Protein backbone atom coordinates (compact mmCIF):
# COMPACT_ATOMS: atom_id res chain seq x y z
CA UNK A 1 61.85 38.28 -2.66
CA UNK A 2 60.35 41.57 -2.18
CA UNK A 3 61.94 43.54 0.59
CA UNK A 4 60.91 46.62 2.89
CA UNK A 5 62.29 48.69 6.14
CA UNK A 6 60.13 47.58 9.24
CA UNK A 7 59.49 51.93 9.33
CA UNK A 8 59.39 54.58 6.97
CA UNK A 9 62.17 57.22 7.54
CA UNK A 10 64.48 55.07 10.51
CA UNK A 11 66.98 53.87 8.25
CA UNK A 12 67.96 55.36 4.90
CA UNK A 13 68.03 51.85 2.70
CA UNK A 14 68.18 49.74 -0.16
CA UNK A 15 72.41 50.45 0.43
CA UNK A 16 75.72 48.83 0.51
CA UNK A 17 75.95 51.70 2.96
CA UNK A 18 72.43 52.16 5.30
CA UNK A 19 72.46 55.05 7.59
CA UNK A 20 70.63 55.90 10.64
CA UNK A 21 68.35 59.27 10.13
CA UNK A 22 68.02 61.21 12.87
CA UNK A 23 67.69 64.78 13.99
CA UNK A 24 69.54 67.00 14.96
CA UNK A 25 68.31 70.30 17.09
CA UNK A 26 69.16 74.09 15.28
CA UNK A 27 69.07 75.35 18.78
CA UNK A 28 71.43 73.21 20.60
CA UNK A 29 72.55 70.54 18.10
CA UNK A 30 71.27 68.16 19.80
CA UNK A 31 71.12 64.83 18.12
CA UNK A 32 68.04 62.03 18.72
CA UNK A 33 67.27 58.96 17.01
CA UNK A 34 64.81 58.23 15.89
CA UNK A 35 64.43 61.36 14.15
CA UNK A 36 61.61 63.84 16.36
CA UNK A 37 59.87 66.76 15.02
CA UNK A 38 61.13 68.56 18.44
CA UNK A 39 64.26 68.24 20.61
CA UNK A 40 63.71 66.59 23.45
CA UNK A 41 66.30 68.69 25.45
CA UNK A 42 65.70 71.97 24.82
CA UNK A 43 61.96 71.67 23.24
CA UNK A 44 62.98 73.44 19.85
CA UNK A 45 60.99 72.63 17.25
CA UNK A 46 63.54 73.53 14.69
CA UNK A 47 65.16 70.38 13.37
CA UNK A 48 67.26 68.80 10.93
CA UNK A 49 67.08 65.28 9.58
CA UNK A 50 70.38 64.13 9.72
CA UNK A 51 72.17 61.06 8.56
CA UNK A 52 74.25 58.96 11.79
CA UNK A 53 77.62 57.97 11.97
CA UNK A 54 77.82 53.94 10.53
CA UNK A 55 80.25 52.49 13.10
CA UNK A 56 80.59 53.35 16.71
CA UNK A 57 81.67 51.15 19.74
CA UNK A 58 79.94 48.89 22.09
CA UNK A 59 78.88 51.03 25.31
CA UNK A 60 76.99 47.87 26.87
CA UNK A 61 74.49 44.82 26.40
CA UNK A 62 72.31 42.19 27.21
CA UNK A 63 70.91 39.21 25.57
CA UNK A 64 66.74 38.68 25.29
CA UNK A 65 66.23 35.26 25.80
CA UNK A 66 62.64 35.42 25.91
CA UNK A 67 59.69 36.51 23.40
CA UNK A 68 58.74 40.22 24.44
CA UNK A 69 55.26 41.01 24.64
CA UNK A 70 53.47 41.49 22.08
CA UNK A 71 52.56 44.78 21.32
CA UNK A 72 54.99 46.79 20.99
CA UNK A 73 57.36 43.57 19.86
CA UNK A 74 56.45 43.63 16.36
CA UNK A 75 57.84 40.01 15.37
CA UNK A 76 55.40 37.96 14.10
CA UNK A 77 57.16 34.02 15.07
CA UNK A 78 55.07 31.74 16.95
CA UNK A 79 56.48 31.51 20.54
CA UNK A 80 58.14 28.07 20.24
CA UNK A 81 60.21 29.38 17.22
CA UNK A 82 61.16 32.99 18.70
CA UNK A 83 65.21 33.18 18.12
CA UNK A 84 67.52 34.81 20.94
CA UNK A 85 69.04 37.94 20.03
CA UNK A 86 71.40 40.73 21.57
CA UNK A 87 70.49 44.13 22.55
CA UNK A 88 72.96 46.99 23.08
CA UNK A 89 73.91 50.43 23.35
CA UNK A 90 76.36 51.96 20.58
CA UNK A 91 78.38 54.67 21.15
CA UNK A 92 78.24 56.83 17.49
CA UNK A 93 80.28 60.38 17.58
CA UNK A 94 76.96 62.12 17.48
CA UNK A 95 75.12 60.26 20.44
CA UNK A 96 74.00 56.92 21.97
CA UNK A 97 71.62 54.54 20.47
CA UNK A 98 69.79 51.35 21.22
CA UNK A 99 69.98 48.95 18.65
CA UNK A 100 69.68 44.99 17.83
CA UNK A 101 72.93 43.00 17.17
CA UNK A 102 73.68 40.21 14.94
CA UNK A 103 75.93 38.00 17.19
CA UNK A 104 74.30 35.12 18.71
CA UNK A 105 73.63 35.30 22.13
CA UNK A 106 76.51 32.94 23.01
CA UNK A 107 78.79 34.96 21.57
CA UNK A 108 81.36 37.13 22.99
CA UNK A 109 80.79 40.93 23.31
CA UNK A 110 83.23 43.15 25.36
CA UNK A 111 82.43 46.74 26.12
CA UNK A 112 84.35 48.99 24.03
CA UNK A 113 84.39 46.73 20.71
CA UNK A 114 84.07 48.09 17.32
CA UNK A 115 80.84 48.08 15.75
CA UNK A 116 79.08 49.06 12.25
CA UNK A 117 75.96 49.60 10.87
CA UNK A 118 73.75 46.56 8.78
CA UNK A 119 70.30 45.25 8.00
CA UNK A 120 69.20 42.17 8.83
CA UNK A 121 65.78 40.41 8.15
CA UNK A 122 62.89 41.02 11.22
CA UNK A 123 60.02 39.27 9.86
CA UNK A 124 57.88 38.37 7.14
CA UNK A 125 54.61 40.15 5.97
CA UNK A 126 51.51 37.90 5.20
CA UNK A 127 52.15 38.80 1.46
CA UNK A 128 55.52 37.45 1.90
CA UNK A 129 57.46 40.94 1.80
CA UNK A 130 60.73 40.01 4.14
CA UNK A 131 60.41 43.31 6.51
CA UNK A 132 64.17 44.52 7.30
CA UNK A 133 65.60 46.18 10.53
CA UNK A 134 68.56 47.92 11.42
CA UNK A 135 71.46 46.14 13.43
CA UNK A 136 75.48 46.47 15.05
CA UNK A 137 77.56 43.66 13.69
CA UNK A 138 80.95 43.48 14.96
CA UNK A 139 83.75 45.91 12.91
CA UNK A 140 86.56 43.94 11.04
CA UNK A 141 89.34 45.28 12.85
């Protein structure tokens, strides 16, 4: 089955070691994800695209048990086919990012647990192309 990323430039993939793509301000060194054309911290317009770390720790999380409004949610499943999922903030060395979690909604999570980036199926296009997105999964310790 053909696959594509949910958004161009969001993460480096296909790869056995995918990485999120952020931007680093050349003036104040603030890192932003997803990458932006200017710095939200100091307003500078010179930023450099930078890969982010693949591992971090779970800062906090919640569980999405109902289908979000569409838009902005881009899922294509019927409401009765919606599968709940976890959402968390992952503390990377470069800063905190929001991400989908791969664990089931009833599985145990704890603040500070090691997490690792992965790429997972999100939806299927009308032409049968599988749309992939990034997520974090508990890291093997």
